[in-house]
C-alpha atoms as a PDB file:
ATOM      1  CA  MET A   1      69.889  45.248 149.760  1.00  0.00           C
ATOM      2  CA  SER A   2      72.687  42.256 148.602  1.00  0.00           C
ATOM      3  CA  ASP A   3      72.574  38.716 149.424  1.00  0.00           C
ATOM      4  CA  PHE A   4      75.229  37.049 151.912  1.00  0.00           C
ATOM      5  CA  THR A   5      73.285  33.851 152.930  1.00  0.00           C
ATOM      6  CA  GLY A   6      75.469  31.117 151.123  1.00  0.00           C
ATOM      7  CA  GLU A   7      78.350  32.705 152.882  1.00  0.00           C
ATOM      8  CA  ALA A   8      80.099  30.132 155.283  1.00  0.00           C
ATOM      9  CA  ILE A   9      80.173  30.855 159.012  1.00  0.00           C
ATOM     10  CA  PRO A  10      84.039  32.351 159.682  1.00  0.00           C
ATOM     11  CA  GLU A  11      86.064  30.392 162.133  1.00  0.00           C
ATOM     12  CA  PRO A  12      85.137  31.892 166.063  1.00  0.00           C
ATOM     13  CA  ALA A  13      88.656  34.078 165.587  1.00  0.00           C
ATOM     14  CA  ALA A  14      87.659  35.796 162.183  1.00  0.00           C
ATOM     15  CA  LEU A  15      83.802  36.121 163.332  1.00  0.00           C
ATOM     16  CA  PRO A  16      84.627  40.115 164.923  1.00  0.00           C
ATOM     17  CA  ALA A  17      86.034  41.195 161.631  1.00  0.00           C
ATOM     18  CA  ALA A  18      83.281  39.705 159.526  1.00  0.00           C
ATOM     19  CA  ILE A  19      79.838  41.454 161.614  1.00  0.00           C
ATOM     20  CA  ASP A  20      82.160  44.543 161.317  1.00  0.00           C
ATOM     21  CA  ARG A  21      82.100  43.642 157.650  1.00  0.00           C
ATOM     22  CA  LEU A  22      77.797  42.952 157.518  1.00  0.00           C
ATOM     23  CA  ARG A  23      77.722  45.698 159.739  1.00  0.00           C
ATOM     24  CA  ARG A  24      79.068  47.952 156.807  1.00  0.00           C
ATOM     25  CA  GLU A  25      77.460  46.104 153.679  1.00  0.00           C
ATOM     26  CA  ARG A  26      73.887  45.781 155.787  1.00  0.00           C
ATOM     27  CA  ARG A  27      74.026  49.556 156.647  1.00  0.00           C
ATOM     28  CA  ALA A  28      73.196  48.354 159.886  1.00  0.00           C
ATOM     29  CA  VAL A  29      73.586  49.073 163.679  1.00  0.00           C
ATOM     30  CA  ILE A  30      74.421  46.933 166.309  1.00  0.00           C
ATOM     31  CA  LEU A  31      72.905  47.439 169.608  1.00  0.00           C
ATOM     32  CA  ALA A  32      73.779  45.365 172.675  1.00  0.00           C
ATOM     33  CA  HIS A  33      72.366  45.477 176.430  1.00  0.00           C
ATOM     34  CA  TRP A  34      74.345  45.436 179.509  1.00  0.00           C
ATOM     35  CA  TYR A  35      73.891  42.296 180.351  1.00  0.00           C
ATOM     36  CA  GLN A  36      75.137  40.730 177.252  1.00  0.00           C
ATOM     37  CA  ARG A  37      77.986  38.549 176.735  1.00  0.00           C
ATOM     38  CA  PRO A  38      81.488  41.346 176.819  1.00  0.00           C
ATOM     39  CA  GLU A  39      82.563  40.180 173.236  1.00  0.00           C
ATOM     40  CA  ILE A  40      79.285  41.071 171.951  1.00  0.00           C
ATOM     41  CA  GLN A  41      78.906  44.208 174.203  1.00  0.00           C
ATOM     42  CA  ASP A  42      83.004  45.358 172.729  1.00  0.00           C
ATOM     43  CA  LEU A  43      81.456  45.303 169.138  1.00  0.00           C
ATOM     44  CA  ALA A  44      78.164  47.048 169.810  1.00  0.00           C
ATOM     45  CA  ASP A  45      77.757  50.673 167.591  1.00  0.00           C
ATOM     46  CA  PHE A  46      75.852  51.395 171.272  1.00  0.00           C
ATOM     47  CA  ARG A  47      75.503  49.357 174.559  1.00  0.00           C
ATOM     48  CA  GLY A  48      73.025  50.784 177.196  1.00  0.00           C
ATOM     49  CA  ASP A  49      69.314  49.378 178.402  1.00  0.00           C
ATOM     50  CA  SER A  50      66.649  48.607 176.615  1.00  0.00           C
ATOM     51  CA  LEU A  51      64.527  52.059 175.698  1.00  0.00           C
ATOM     52  CA  ALA A  52      68.004  54.495 175.270  1.00  0.00           C
ATOM     53  CA  LEU A  53      68.976  51.564 172.690  1.00  0.00           C
ATOM     54  CA  ALA A  54      65.906  51.550 170.542  1.00  0.00           C
ATOM     55  CA  GLN A  55      65.875  55.420 170.927  1.00  0.00           C
ATOM     56  CA  ALA A  56      69.441  55.571 169.692  1.00  0.00           C
ATOM     57  CA  ALA A  57      68.821  53.602 166.961  1.00  0.00           C
ATOM     58  CA  ARG A  58      65.652  55.116 165.980  1.00  0.00           C
ATOM     59  CA  ASP A  59      68.336  58.257 165.667  1.00  0.00           C
ATOM     60  CA  THR A  60      70.589  56.756 163.237  1.00  0.00           C
ATOM     61  CA  ASP A  61      70.169  56.041 159.448  1.00  0.00           C
ATOM     62  CA  ALA A  62      70.772  52.370 159.509  1.00  0.00           C
ATOM     63  CA  GLU A  63      69.047  50.045 157.622  1.00  0.00           C
ATOM     64  CA  VAL A  64      68.632  47.159 160.107  1.00  0.00           C
ATOM     65  CA  ILE A  65      69.096  47.338 163.451  1.00  0.00           C
ATOM     66  CA  ALA A  66      70.949  44.239 165.041  1.00  0.00           C
ATOM     67  CA  PHE A  67      69.246  44.013 168.876  1.00  0.00           C
ATOM     68  CA  ALA A  68      71.868  41.576 170.687  1.00  0.00           C
ATOM     69  CA  GLY A  69      68.754  41.689 173.759  1.00  0.00           C
ATOM     70  CA  VAL A  70      65.519  39.875 174.442  1.00  0.00           C
ATOM     71  CA  HIS A  71      62.785  39.614 172.591  1.00  0.00           C
ATOM     72  CA  PHE A  72      60.900  42.518 173.976  1.00  0.00           C
ATOM     73  CA  MET A  73      64.035  44.851 173.909  1.00  0.00           C
ATOM     74  CA  ALA A  74      63.707  44.158 169.843  1.00  0.00           C
ATOM     75  CA  GLU A  75      60.189  44.764 170.048  1.00  0.00           C
ATOM     76  CA  VAL A  76      60.705  48.221 171.433  1.00  0.00           C
ATOM     77  CA  ALA A  77      63.326  48.946 168.847  1.00  0.00           C
ATOM     78  CA  LYS A  78      60.309  47.706 166.140  1.00  0.00           C
ATOM     79  CA  ILE A  79      57.505  49.765 167.924  1.00  0.00           C
ATOM     80  CA  LEU A  80      59.677  53.397 167.601  1.00  0.00           C
ATOM     81  CA  SER A  81      61.395  52.305 163.629  1.00  0.00           C
ATOM     82  CA  PRO A  82      59.002  50.240 161.716  1.00  0.00           C
ATOM     83  CA  GLU A  83      60.295  51.023 158.930  1.00  0.00           C
ATOM     84  CA  ARG A  84      63.882  49.468 159.396  1.00  0.00           C
ATOM     85  CA  ILE A  85      64.176  45.793 159.755  1.00  0.00           C
ATOM     86  CA  VAL A  86      64.532  44.875 163.246  1.00  0.00           C
ATOM     87  CA  VAL A  87      66.489  41.147 163.911  1.00  0.00           C
ATOM     88  CA  LEU A  88      67.686  39.417 166.964  1.00  0.00           C
ATOM     89  CA  PRO A  89      70.210  36.598 167.390  1.00  0.00           C
ATOM     90  CA  ASP A  90      68.030  34.186 168.886  1.00  0.00           C
ATOM     91  CA  LEU A  91      64.487  34.871 168.984  1.00  0.00           C
ATOM     92  CA  GLN A  92      64.249  32.056 172.089  1.00  0.00           C
ATOM     93  CA  ALA A  93      65.939  35.456 173.892  1.00  0.00           C
ATOM     94  CA  GLY A  94      62.882  36.358 176.034  1.00  0.00           C
ATOM     95  CA  CYS A  95      62.669  37.391 179.983  1.00  0.00           C
ATOM     96  CA  SER A  96      60.821  35.750 182.687  1.00  0.00           C
ATOM     97  CA  LEU A  97      58.807  39.187 183.248  1.00  0.00           C
ATOM     98  CA  ASP A  98      57.285  39.038 179.645  1.00  0.00           C
ATOM     99  CA  GLU A  99      56.687  34.898 180.598  1.00  0.00           C
ATOM    100  CA  ASP A 100      54.713  35.907 183.977  1.00  0.00           C
ATOM    101  CA  CYS A 101      52.395  38.087 182.332  1.00  0.00           C
ATOM    102  CA  PRO A 102      50.824  36.557 179.330  1.00  0.00           C
ATOM    103  CA  PRO A 103      48.758  39.590 177.924  1.00  0.00           C
ATOM    104  CA  ALA A 104      44.716  37.440 178.094  1.00  0.00           C
ATOM    105  CA  GLU A 105      45.433  37.514 181.938  1.00  0.00           C
ATOM    106  CA  LEU A 106      46.535  41.459 181.682  1.00  0.00           C
ATOM    107  CA  ALA A 107      43.077  41.732 180.172  1.00  0.00           C
ATOM    108  CA  ALA A 108      41.334  39.952 182.798  1.00  0.00           C
ATOM    109  CA  TRP A 109      42.827  41.549 185.669  1.00  0.00           C
ATOM    110  CA  ARG A 110      41.991  44.984 184.079  1.00  0.00           C
ATOM    111  CA  ARG A 111      38.595  43.955 183.452  1.00  0.00           C
ATOM    112  CA  GLU A 112      38.556  43.580 187.624  1.00  0.00           C
ATOM    113  CA  HIS A 113      40.002  47.122 188.114  1.00  0.00           C
ATOM    114  CA  PRO A 114      37.766  49.145 185.826  1.00  0.00           C
ATOM    115  CA  ASP A 115      38.382  51.991 187.552  1.00  0.00           C
ATOM    116  CA  HIS A 116      42.610  51.537 187.518  1.00  0.00           C
ATOM    117  CA  LYS A 117      44.891  52.987 185.290  1.00  0.00           C
ATOM    118  CA  VAL A 118      47.864  50.482 183.967  1.00  0.00           C
ATOM    119  CA  VAL A 119      51.562  51.540 184.488  1.00  0.00           C
ATOM    120  CA  ALA A 120      53.351  48.796 182.656  1.00  0.00           C
ATOM    121  CA  TYR A 121      56.776  48.403 182.672  1.00  0.00           C
ATOM    122  CA  ILE A 122      59.043  48.207 179.558  1.00  0.00           C
ATOM    123  CA  ASN A 123      59.690  44.025 180.601  1.00  0.00           C
ATOM    124  CA  CYS A 124      56.811  43.239 178.823  1.00  0.00           C
ATOM    125  CA  SER A 125      55.259  42.085 175.764  1.00  0.00           C
ATOM    126  CA  ALA A 126      53.773  44.607 172.711  1.00  0.00           C
ATOM    127  CA  ALA A 127      50.835  42.980 173.715  1.00  0.00           C
ATOM    128  CA  VAL A 128      50.927  43.562 177.178  1.00  0.00           C
ATOM    129  CA  LYS A 129      52.044  47.467 176.498  1.00  0.00           C
ATOM    130  CA  ALA A 130      49.215  47.596 173.781  1.00  0.00           C
ATOM    131  CA  GLN A 131      46.778  47.676 177.156  1.00  0.00           C
ATOM    132  CA  ALA A 132      48.710  49.903 179.401  1.00  0.00           C
ATOM    133  CA  ASP A 133      47.555  53.602 179.731  1.00  0.00           C
ATOM    134  CA  ILE A 134      51.288  54.463 180.270  1.00  0.00           C
ATOM    135  CA  ILE A 135      54.890  52.436 180.341  1.00  0.00           C
ATOM    136  CA  CYS A 136      57.918  53.045 182.974  1.00  0.00           C
ATOM    137  CA  THR A 137      61.523  52.218 183.192  1.00  0.00           C
ATOM    138  CA  SER A 138      63.174  51.679 186.435  1.00  0.00           C
ATOM    139  CA  GLY A 139      65.061  54.315 185.705  1.00  0.00           C
ATOM    140  CA  ASN A 140      61.570  56.350 185.358  1.00  0.00           C
ATOM    141  CA  ALA A 141      59.077  55.120 187.722  1.00  0.00           C
ATOM    142  CA  VAL A 142      58.656  56.875 190.282  1.00  0.00           C
ATOM    143  CA  LYS A 143      58.634  60.207 188.066  1.00  0.00           C
ATOM    144  CA  VAL A 144      55.507  58.276 186.135  1.00  0.00           C
ATOM    145  CA  VAL A 145      53.603  57.118 188.757  1.00  0.00           C
ATOM    146  CA  GLU A 146      53.325  60.138 190.680  1.00  0.00           C
ATOM    147  CA  SER A 147      51.984  61.723 187.309  1.00  0.00           C
ATOM    148  CA  PHE A 148      48.550  60.621 187.851  1.00  0.00           C
ATOM    149  CA  PRO A 149      46.443  62.516 190.880  1.00  0.00           C
ATOM    150  CA  ALA A 150      46.827  60.910 194.048  1.00  0.00           C
ATOM    151  CA  ASP A 151      43.521  59.462 194.021  1.00  0.00           C
ATOM    152  CA  GLN A 152      44.096  57.510 190.915  1.00  0.00           C
ATOM    153  CA  PRO A 153      43.637  53.885 191.788  1.00  0.00           C
ATOM    154  CA  LEU A 154      46.567  52.117 189.357  1.00  0.00           C
ATOM    155  CA  LEU A 155      47.346  48.852 188.509  1.00  0.00           C
ATOM    156  CA  PHE A 156      51.264  48.007 188.190  1.00  0.00           C
ATOM    157  CA  ALA A 157      52.647  44.724 186.029  1.00  0.00           C
ATOM    158  CA  PRO A 158      54.910  43.165 185.288  1.00  0.00           C
ATOM    159  CA  ASP A 159      57.419  43.464 188.127  1.00  0.00           C
ATOM    160  CA  ARG A 160      56.574  42.860 191.534  1.00  0.00           C
ATOM    161  CA  ASN A 161      59.310  44.164 193.069  1.00  0.00           C
ATOM    162  CA  LEU A 162      59.672  47.081 191.248  1.00  0.00           C
ATOM    163  CA  GLY A 163      56.520  47.927 191.799  1.00  0.00           C
ATOM    164  CA  ALA A 164      56.889  47.706 195.694  1.00  0.00           C
ATOM    165  CA  HIS A 165      60.035  49.625 196.056  1.00  0.00           C
ATOM    166  CA  ILE A 166      58.067  52.292 193.664  1.00  0.00           C
ATOM    167  CA  ALA A 167      54.690  52.404 195.926  1.00  0.00           C
ATOM    168  CA  ALA A 168      57.366  52.605 199.098  1.00  0.00           C
ATOM    169  CA  ARG A 169      59.151  55.594 197.275  1.00  0.00           C
ATOM    170  CA  THR A 170      56.134  57.445 196.197  1.00  0.00           C
ATOM    171  CA  GLY A 171      54.064  56.425 199.128  1.00  0.00           C
ATOM    172  CA  ARG A 172      50.927  55.063 196.647  1.00  0.00           C
ATOM    173  CA  THR A 173      48.963  52.148 196.832  1.00  0.00           C
ATOM    174  CA  LEU A 174      49.666  50.113 193.993  1.00  0.00           C
ATOM    175  CA  GLU A 175      48.176  46.947 193.143  1.00  0.00           C
ATOM    176  CA  LEU A 176      50.638  44.551 191.866  1.00  0.00           C
ATOM    177  CA  TRP A 177      50.813  42.044 188.729  1.00  0.00           C
ATOM    178  CA  PRO A 178      53.224  38.821 190.552  1.00  0.00           C
ATOM    179  CA  GLY A 179      55.492  39.059 187.793  1.00  0.00           C
ATOM    180  CA  ARG A 180      59.692  39.004 188.700  1.00  0.00           C
ATOM    181  CA  CYS A 181      62.881  38.464 187.034  1.00  0.00           C
ATOM    182  CA  PHE A 182      64.195  35.308 187.639  1.00  0.00           C
ATOM    183  CA  VAL A 183      67.683  36.410 188.077  1.00  0.00           C
ATOM    184  CA  HIS A 184      67.369  39.406 190.396  1.00  0.00           C
ATOM    185  CA  VAL A 185      65.317  37.411 193.084  1.00  0.00           C
ATOM    186  CA  ARG A 186      68.464  35.105 193.536  1.00  0.00           C
ATOM    187  CA  PHE A 187      70.619  37.165 195.340  1.00  0.00           C
ATOM    188  CA  ASP A 188      70.425  36.818 199.143  1.00  0.00           C
ATOM    189  CA  ALA A 189      70.502  39.569 201.857  1.00  0.00           C
ATOM    190  CA  GLU A 190      72.133  37.744 204.114  1.00  0.00           C
ATOM    191  CA  ARG A 191      75.417  36.823 202.415  1.00  0.00           C
ATOM    192  CA  ILE A 192      75.619  40.024 200.849  1.00  0.00           C
ATOM    193  CA  ALA A 193      75.609  41.322 204.010  1.00  0.00           C
ATOM    194  CA  ALA A 194      78.656  38.696 205.235  1.00  0.00           C
ATOM    195  CA  ARG A 195      80.544  40.144 201.782  1.00  0.00           C
ATOM    196  CA  LYS A 196      80.235  43.986 202.530  1.00  0.00           C
ATOM    197  CA  ALA A 197      81.072  43.100 206.532  1.00  0.00           C
ATOM    198  CA  SER A 198      83.695  41.362 205.529  1.00  0.00           C
ATOM    199  CA  ARG A 199      85.031  44.383 202.847  1.00  0.00           C
ATOM    200  CA  PRO A 200      84.744  47.186 205.274  1.00  0.00           C
ATOM    201  CA  GLY A 201      84.164  50.544 203.549  1.00  0.00           C
ATOM    202  CA  SER A 202      82.258  48.779 200.761  1.00  0.00           C
ATOM    203  CA  VAL A 203      78.884  49.910 198.998  1.00  0.00           C
ATOM    204  CA  PHE A 204      76.076  47.355 198.035  1.00  0.00           C
ATOM    205  CA  ILE A 205      74.095  48.781 194.947  1.00  0.00           C
ATOM    206  CA  ALA A 206      70.720  46.979 193.784  1.00  0.00           C
ATOM    207  CA  HIS A 207      68.681  46.634 191.059  1.00  0.00           C
ATOM    208  CA  PRO A 208      64.492  47.638 192.111  1.00  0.00           C
ATOM    209  CA  GLU A 209      64.139  44.188 190.644  1.00  0.00           C
ATOM    210  CA  CYS A 210      65.231  42.435 193.904  1.00  0.00           C
ATOM    211  CA  GLU A 211      63.623  41.352 196.500  1.00  0.00           C
ATOM    212  CA  ALA A 212      62.725  43.692 199.128  1.00  0.00           C
ATOM    213  CA  GLN A 213      65.177  42.521 202.158  1.00  0.00           C
ATOM    214  CA  VAL A 214      67.812  43.062 199.298  1.00  0.00           C
ATOM    215  CA  LEU A 215      66.772  46.146 198.527  1.00  0.00           C
ATOM    216  CA  GLN A 216      66.497  46.859 202.924  1.00  0.00           C
ATOM    217  CA  ILE A 217      70.431  46.311 203.082  1.00  0.00           C
ATOM    218  CA  ALA A 218      71.180  48.431 199.205  1.00  0.00           C
ATOM    219  CA  ASP A 219      73.713  51.568 199.685  1.00  0.00           C
ATOM    220  CA  PHE A 220      71.912  52.731 196.835  1.00  0.00           C
ATOM    221  CA  VAL A 221      68.914  51.495 194.478  1.00  0.00           C
ATOM    222  CA  GLY A 222      68.633  52.082 190.714  1.00  0.00           C
ATOM    223  CA  SER A 223      68.709  51.800 186.695  1.00  0.00           C
ATOM    224  CA  THR A 224      71.325  49.984 184.909  1.00  0.00           C
ATOM    225  CA  SER A 225      71.903  53.289 184.116  1.00  0.00           C
ATOM    226  CA  GLN A 226      71.877  54.956 187.413  1.00  0.00           C
ATOM    227  CA  MET A 227      73.799  52.448 188.873  1.00  0.00           C
ATOM    228  CA  LEU A 228      76.716  52.924 186.041  1.00  0.00           C
ATOM    229  CA  ARG A 229      76.893  56.279 187.034  1.00  0.00           C
ATOM    230  CA  PHE A 230      76.689  55.080 191.178  1.00  0.00           C
ATOM    231  CA  VAL A 231      79.651  53.242 190.023  1.00  0.00           C
ATOM    232  CA  GLN A 232      81.549  56.053 188.444  1.00  0.00           C
ATOM    233  CA  ASP A 233      80.848  58.616 190.880  1.00  0.00           C
ATOM    234  CA  SER A 234      80.993  56.998 194.188  1.00  0.00           C
ATOM    235  CA  PRO A 235      84.254  57.578 196.028  1.00  0.00           C
ATOM    236  CA  ALA A 236      84.147  53.948 197.831  1.00  0.00           C
ATOM    237  CA  GLY A 237      86.597  51.546 196.569  1.00  0.00           C
ATOM    238  CA  THR A 238      84.601  48.284 196.737  1.00  0.00           C
ATOM    239  CA  ILE A 239      81.420  48.058 195.347  1.00  0.00           C
ATOM    240  CA  ILE A 240      79.045  45.005 195.506  1.00  0.00           C
ATOM    241  CA  VAL A 241      76.966  44.847 192.524  1.00  0.00           C
ATOM    242  CA  GLY A 242      73.132  43.136 192.779  1.00  0.00           C
ATOM    243  CA  THR A 243      72.100  42.717 188.833  1.00  0.00           C
ATOM    244  CA  GLU A 244      73.335  40.562 186.514  1.00  0.00           C
ATOM    245  CA  SER A 245      76.811  39.740 185.947  1.00  0.00           C
ATOM    246  CA  GLY A 246      76.549  41.161 182.486  1.00  0.00           C
ATOM    247  CA  MET A 247      76.411  44.712 183.830  1.00  0.00           C
ATOM    248  CA  LEU A 248      80.359  44.298 185.383  1.00  0.00           C
ATOM    249  CA  HIS A 249      81.858  44.684 181.999  1.00  0.00           C
ATOM    250  CA  GLU A 250      81.101  47.742 181.229  1.00  0.00           C
ATOM    251  CA  MET A 251      81.136  49.320 184.938  1.00  0.00           C
ATOM    252  CA  ARG A 252      85.088  47.801 185.029  1.00  0.00           C
ATOM    253  CA  ARG A 253      85.913  49.912 181.539  1.00  0.00           C
ATOM    254  CA  ARG A 254      84.709  52.750 183.014  1.00  0.00           C
ATOM    255  CA  ALA A 255      85.556  52.329 186.958  1.00  0.00           C
ATOM    256  CA  PRO A 256      89.086  50.422 186.716  1.00  0.00           C
ATOM    257  CA  ASP A 257      90.133  51.885 189.482  1.00  0.00           C
ATOM    258  CA  LYS A 258      87.832  50.481 191.958  1.00  0.00           C
ATOM    259  CA  THR A 259      87.119  46.799 193.063  1.00  0.00           C
ATOM    260  CA  LEU A 260      83.244  45.456 191.966  1.00  0.00           C
ATOM    261  CA  LEU A 261      81.599  42.323 192.833  1.00  0.00           C
ATOM    262  CA  PRO A 262      78.894  40.146 192.411  1.00  0.00           C
ATOM    263  CA  ALA A 263      76.355  39.805 195.033  1.00  0.00           C
ATOM    264  CA  PRO A 264      75.839  36.338 196.040  1.00  0.00           C
ATOM    265  CA  CYS A 265      72.936  34.687 195.025  1.00  0.00           C
ATOM    266  CA  HIS A 266      71.339  31.874 197.413  1.00  0.00           C
ATOM    267  CA  LYS A 267      72.755  28.681 196.342  1.00  0.00           C
ATOM    268  CA  ASP A 268      76.795  29.919 195.536  1.00  0.00           C
ATOM    269  CA  VAL A 269      76.794  28.398 192.158  1.00  0.00           C
ATOM    270  CA  PRO A 270      78.418  29.652 188.964  1.00  0.00           C
ATOM    271  CA  GLY A 271      76.256  31.670 186.500  1.00  0.00           C
ATOM    272  CA  CYS A 272      73.870  32.260 189.529  1.00  0.00           C
ATOM    273  CA  ASP A 273      73.431  35.659 188.538  1.00  0.00           C
ATOM    274  CA  GLU A 274      73.355  35.154 184.765  1.00  0.00           C
ATOM    275  CA  CYS A 275      70.282  35.841 182.654  1.00  0.00           C
ATOM    276  CA  ALA A 276      69.983  32.114 180.509  1.00  0.00           C
ATOM    277  CA  HIS A 277      67.975  34.554 178.222  1.00  0.00           C
ATOM    278  CA  MET A 278      70.325  37.218 177.595  1.00  0.00           C
ATOM    279  CA  LYS A 279      73.195  34.750 177.368  1.00  0.00           C
ATOM    280  CA  ARG A 280      71.826  32.608 174.461  1.00  0.00           C
ATOM    281  CA  ASN A 281      73.255  35.807 172.311  1.00  0.00           C
ATOM    282  CA  THR A 282      76.407  34.941 170.739  1.00  0.00           C
ATOM    283  CA  LEU A 283      79.194  36.226 167.971  1.00  0.00           C
ATOM    284  CA  GLU A 284      77.748  33.114 166.115  1.00  0.00           C
ATOM    285  CA  LYS A 285      74.734  34.093 165.934  1.00  0.00           C
ATOM    286  CA  LEU A 286      74.925  37.712 165.738  1.00  0.00           C
ATOM    287  CA  TYR A 287      76.260  37.190 162.391  1.00  0.00           C
ATOM    288  CA  LEU A 288      73.860  35.001 160.988  1.00  0.00           C
ATOM    289  CA  CYS A 289      71.370  37.116 161.830  1.00  0.00           C
ATOM    290  CA  LEU A 290      73.312  39.899 159.829  1.00  0.00           C
ATOM    291  CA  ARG A 291      74.019  37.605 156.978  1.00  0.00           C
ATOM    292  CA  ASP A 292      70.468  36.281 157.161  1.00  0.00           C
ATOM    293  CA  LEU A 293      68.191  38.960 157.989  1.00  0.00           C
ATOM    294  CA  ALA A 294      66.516  36.605 160.421  1.00  0.00           C
ATOM    295  CA  PRO A 295      65.075  36.053 162.717  1.00  0.00           C
ATOM    296  CA  ARG A 296      63.172  39.446 162.322  1.00  0.00           C
ATOM    297  CA  ILE A 297      60.947  41.126 164.008  1.00  0.00           C
ATOM    298  CA  GLU A 298      57.077  41.264 162.879  1.00  0.00           C
ATOM    299  CA  MET A 299      54.537  43.432 164.148  1.00  0.00           C
ATOM    300  CA  ASP A 300      50.790  43.843 163.200  1.00  0.00           C
ATOM    301  CA  GLU A 301      50.452  47.501 162.326  1.00  0.00           C
ATOM    302  CA  ASP A 302      47.605  48.132 164.579  1.00  0.00           C
ATOM    303  CA  LEU A 303      49.013  46.452 167.781  1.00  0.00           C
ATOM    304  CA  ARG A 304      52.272  48.569 166.996  1.00  0.00           C
ATOM    305  CA  ARG A 305      50.223  51.605 167.712  1.00  0.00           C
ATOM    306  CA  ARG A 306      48.300  51.013 170.414  1.00  0.00           C
ATOM    307  CA  ALA A 307      51.781  49.267 171.942  1.00  0.00           C
ATOM    308  CA  LEU A 308      53.663  53.246 170.970  1.00  0.00           C
ATOM    309  CA  ALA A 309      50.907  54.978 172.312  1.00  0.00           C
ATOM    310  CA  PRO A 310      51.671  54.584 175.984  1.00  0.00           C
ATOM    311  CA  LEU A 311      55.732  54.533 175.530  1.00  0.00           C
ATOM    312  CA  GLU A 312      55.087  57.941 173.582  1.00  0.00           C
ATOM    313  CA  ARG A 313      52.770  59.188 177.152  1.00  0.00           C
ATOM    314  CA  MET A 314      55.888  58.196 178.907  1.00  0.00           C
ATOM    315  CA  LEU A 315      57.890  59.809 176.642  1.00  0.00           C
ATOM    316  CA  ALA A 316      56.243  63.081 176.900  1.00  0.00           C
ATOM    317  CA  LEU A 317      56.866  63.299 180.601  1.00  0.00           C
END
């Protein structure tokens, strides 16, 4: 593989072309989560949620996977494609749900509940996944929970809001880890209701990582992919969107005739609906990670195999 590490960083206007050249020369595939900056989404080979992106990359013949997302997402790509080089534009791009669930503390929680099985939301570290009995996404969590016998006690980590939503949907009692997404808990139910009331005929859609009082006033609750389909199919002309604001870019691309508004936060300040971790990734960092093939996601093979097992159990459903 050619060495481009001494290459000068292009001017901002030339970065897209330089990234495209490196993508070809590195035999790379670029993945972008819906929450990424628009200019990164526009360059990506695949856009989507974390699992779908990792699966898409696995099914290509790319030698390099450049994952414009956060750390746990790039880990999933490495778990599914261990033979590939997986790079992340900014290694500090983390996730509050991941940070809220340290592996050692989860292990202690499991020991306190020896009869319980562990359902882990995919927004967690590989070390947490390795301790789970099965993984879920926000889109399939109901199906995953319902795959267990009704009398099987369950632990759900790390998102308390998604877990509570799934418990309500399934009627199951779930022991919930107290993690939260620092973006989704910012949305304000009263402000959302007021915005909706001021626009007759509008609807409000929300991601299940939002707080319960926000979900209670939503016309639709779903994963990022499910929200995207709702926006495309809904007859409503105005839709208020309760998730990270990067999602609006793809929604507007697919439904240009609709008015799409971000849901208001508790404090109406610029960027309140943005994930600072997601926005760490920039075109320059994407260029550099392809140029230098760094920072790389490296993983102990034993850990990778243990994290893969609960992912495969989910996919088998």
